[in-house]
Every structure is written in structure tokens, then in C-alpha cells.
Amino acid sequence: MSEKQGNKALSEQSVVKEISIWRKVAGSIREDIRHRLGYPARLEHAITTGRLVPVPLNPPADTFWMRSVIQWHTWMQNSESGYSGPYTLDYRKPGYDRHLSCHDMPVQEVKHLVSEEIIPDFTCDITAIRGISASKSLDKDIADIDEFPLICCPNYVEPVTEDHLLENMQHSELRLDQMLFADYPWTKRRYYWHNSGGSHHFAAARFQAHRLNIPVPLHGKLYLYRVNVQMIDALCRKWHMFMIPKTEVFGSFYDAMNAFECPFGNSSLPGSMHNGWGGAVPLQVIWLERGLAKADAVASVLSRAGFADFASELKNLSKQPGNSPTTNSVNPHGTKVPAVMLYKKVLTVMQFSSKTT
């Protein structure tokens, strides 16, 4: 290359760099103008360039295990920022230098979203229990508790006889004298046994009792949960709530909100709502206060871009089955099932177990 050609090339590169600089300046000025007019331009740019993309909710497999129950009753019990209190949003709003700074915002509606009542003298038939919390077979995606013993321990099921049923019920890990149960009204299975072992023998006994049409009484402590629909209505009236990739909350999203000077909060999702493992993208809830012009504008952009609406999950929670049992096999307030209906041999085992502990 001649000296003349080299100088020409350098001159062209200089012109390109100068044009690029002016484009950035012009883009910055245009973005600033749009921000001043109340439109979140940097957020829109992050979305259109693929830095911030919608990720659909990915529910875990539907199983009869506790791992498939959405943990609404423990949502936000733990600190979101590591140093704030329970049921508190990690909330960011413009500070004295107009940059977003951290503020703890208690959310009483979440604190009172699900109530817990402990029924110390709970009685039910074994067939009312449709979920189990722990087992060596927990990793198997089995939807129906009746399928579990057939798949994992068929020798515990056959033969289907009264004597075999009693043998299963006598298994020590069932701990008949100190059983724990929970009623989750937002699930289709409702009643879960919180065990520390014995899942195979329990499920086999349940299968046999159902096939033999023999009542098998269970007795223990029940954690009864109820959903406060008024708190759901209050949350949805006050907040826009969207789910975005967790890695972008303090990445492209925070950068856009900081430039727009828009306050926002963030929190985790309830446990077991989204499967963010195995290469999937973890999600976080973004909270934008309704009635604030900038927050409303951000919510509008996120909605048009297809980001998942967390408020719809709350509304679905309010539509789930009620809190009152609808089957005679369940008695949450402790009135004993009539003795004539009890399987006498199993009752004897329970009474003996209670006396010897």
C-alpha cells in the first residue's frame, strides 16, 4: 500500500469513528428526550436488541410429591436483600443524586396472604391423603399416589389382603402416634402427609385399603392453610407485577430503570412455582406501583413485549378450591370418626403405638 492510500484509509476510519460518536450522542439525546416525555426508551432498546427477553413460566412436573406444591404459605418469609425483614420488598427509588437507591418496603398484604391454623387432634381416613413430602423415590415424576407403590414397590401391594394391609400399617417409620399433615387448598390433592420415612409402606397400605374398601383411620396434627382473597385483590390493585430473568434484574433492567428514574421493587417467586434448574432461566418478580406515571409506562412496555404477568398467578390462586373439606373421610377439627367405621385391627395398632412411646 502506498503512503497516499494509507493516509486515505486512516482518514476514512477517522470519519467512521466520528460518525459513530455522533450517532451515539444523537441516540443519547433522543433517549433523554423520550425519557423526559415519560417513555422508557432504554428499556425498549434492551428488549428490541435481545438483552432483556421474556421467559415463560416453567412449572415443575405435576407429581404427588410435596415438591410440586407451590409454596404460597412461605412466600417472602425470608429476607430478599439479605438484611431486611420478612415480607419486605427490595425496593429501589431515586435518591438525592437521582440514582436508584435501596429501601426496604414491608408488604403486609403478602404477610396476611395465607393464614395457618394448627389442628392438634386431626382425624381422617387414609384415602384422604393424596400427597407425600419425603421418600427415597422422590426423584420419580409420579402424578398419582396409587401408581407409586405399583411402580416402586409392587411386593408391598400384593397380595391385597387385610393381613398384608395390617403388616404395612405396622411399619415403624409410619410413626402412627405422631403423624403430621397439611391441607393446601390451592392444590388439587389438598391433603399431604409430612413424613420422615415409610412412604412405600404407607402408599401400599392406602392402595390396599381402597381396593378392600376398609376404613383406615389416621390421627395426628394438621397444618390447615387458608387463602385470604382480599389480600390478592389489594395486591393487584396496588401493583403491576411481571416476571423477568433474575440475572437481568440488576443488569439491563436496572440500567433502564436507573436511566428512566423509575422506582421498582423485586422479590422471589413462591417456591416450586418455576423450575429454574437444569439450564432453565430463573425468574424474579418485578413490582411497579400503579398510579405512578413512569411505573405505569414501564408496565405497559413489559406487557406489550410479552413478559409473564405475575398478577395472573395470584388471581388463579384466588380461584382455587375453598378451605373447607368436602369429604366425610376428613375431619379437620378433631371429632373422632365413628368407631363402627374404623378398621379395628389398625386402630389397635395405633393405640398400642401411642401407649408405648
Foldseek 3Di string as FASTA:
>chain_A
DDPVVVVVVVVVVVVVVVVVVVVVVVVVVVCLVVLVVQALVLVLVCDVVVVWAADDFAFDFAALEPLQDFQLVCFQCDDFVNPDHGQWWQKWFQDPVLFTDTDTHHQVLSVQFKDKDKQFWWKFWLLLAFHEHDDPCVVDRHNGLLVVLVPPPVVLQPPLDPVSLLVLLLPPQCLQQAWEWEADQQDPSGIYTYGPDSSNSSSSSSNSCVVVVATAMGTGMYIAMFGDLVSLVVQVQWKFKFKTFPVCVVPSVSVSCRSSRFMKTKGAGGRSRGPCDDPRTGIIMIIATPPPSNSVSVSVSCVVSPTHTVSVVSVSSVVGGGRDDDDPRTDRNNDDDDPVRHPVSNVVSSVVSNVVD
